[in-house]
Amino acid sequence: MAKKRGHNEGTVYRVGRRFRAEVMAEVMVGGIKHRAYFDTNNEV
């Protein structure tokens, strides 16, 4: 069974020619997912 990522751990996806980074930030109860797009993997 796969483990879930904890808060402040993220993933990187390739979306077309760009890369998307997602990070789950801890906020009291639950969390907020932040997303950012970059042109290269090195920028992520």
Protein backbone atom coordinates (compact mmCIF):
# COMPACT_ATOMS: atom_id res chain seq x y z
CA MET A 1 0.00 0.00 0.00
CA ALA A 2 1.34 3.43 -0.93
CA LYS A 3 2.04 5.99 1.76
CA LYS A 4 0.40 9.41 1.76
CA ARG A 5 2.67 12.42 1.72
CA GLY A 6 2.74 14.54 4.84
CA HIS A 7 2.40 18.29 5.14
CA ASN A 8 5.18 20.34 3.52
CA GLU A 9 6.03 17.46 1.16
CA GLY A 10 5.16 17.92 -2.47
CA THR A 11 5.00 16.40 -5.91
CA VAL A 12 6.01 17.52 -9.38
CA TYR A 13 3.86 16.81 -12.46
CA ARG A 14 4.58 17.37 -16.11
CA VAL A 15 1.70 19.22 -17.78
CA GLY A 16 2.27 19.58 -21.50
CA ARG A 17 5.57 21.46 -21.89
CA ARG A 18 5.50 22.87 -18.36
CA PHE A 19 5.92 21.47 -14.85
CA ARG A 20 3.49 21.82 -11.96
CA ALA A 21 4.59 21.66 -8.33
CA GLU A 22 2.06 20.95 -5.58
CA VAL A 23 2.68 21.33 -1.86
CA MET A 24 0.22 20.68 0.95
CA ALA A 25 0.72 23.29 3.67
CA GLU A 26 -0.46 22.68 7.21
CA VAL A 27 -3.01 25.17 8.49
CA MET A 28 -4.48 24.41 11.92
CA VAL A 29 -6.93 21.67 10.89
CA GLY A 30 -6.80 20.19 7.42
CA GLY A 31 -4.52 21.87 4.91
CA ILE A 32 -4.20 24.13 1.91
CA LYS A 33 -2.81 22.91 -1.42
CA HIS A 34 -0.51 25.36 -3.19
CA ARG A 35 0.23 24.97 -6.91
CA ALA A 36 2.81 26.71 -9.05
CA TYR A 37 3.79 26.30 -12.71
CA PHE A 38 7.35 26.43 -14.08
CA ASP A 39 8.94 26.18 -17.50
CA THR A 40 11.75 23.75 -16.54
CA ASN A 41 12.19 20.99 -13.98
CA ASN A 42 15.23 22.78 -12.53
CA GLU A 43 13.07 25.80 -11.65
CA VAL A 44 10.75 23.59 -9.62
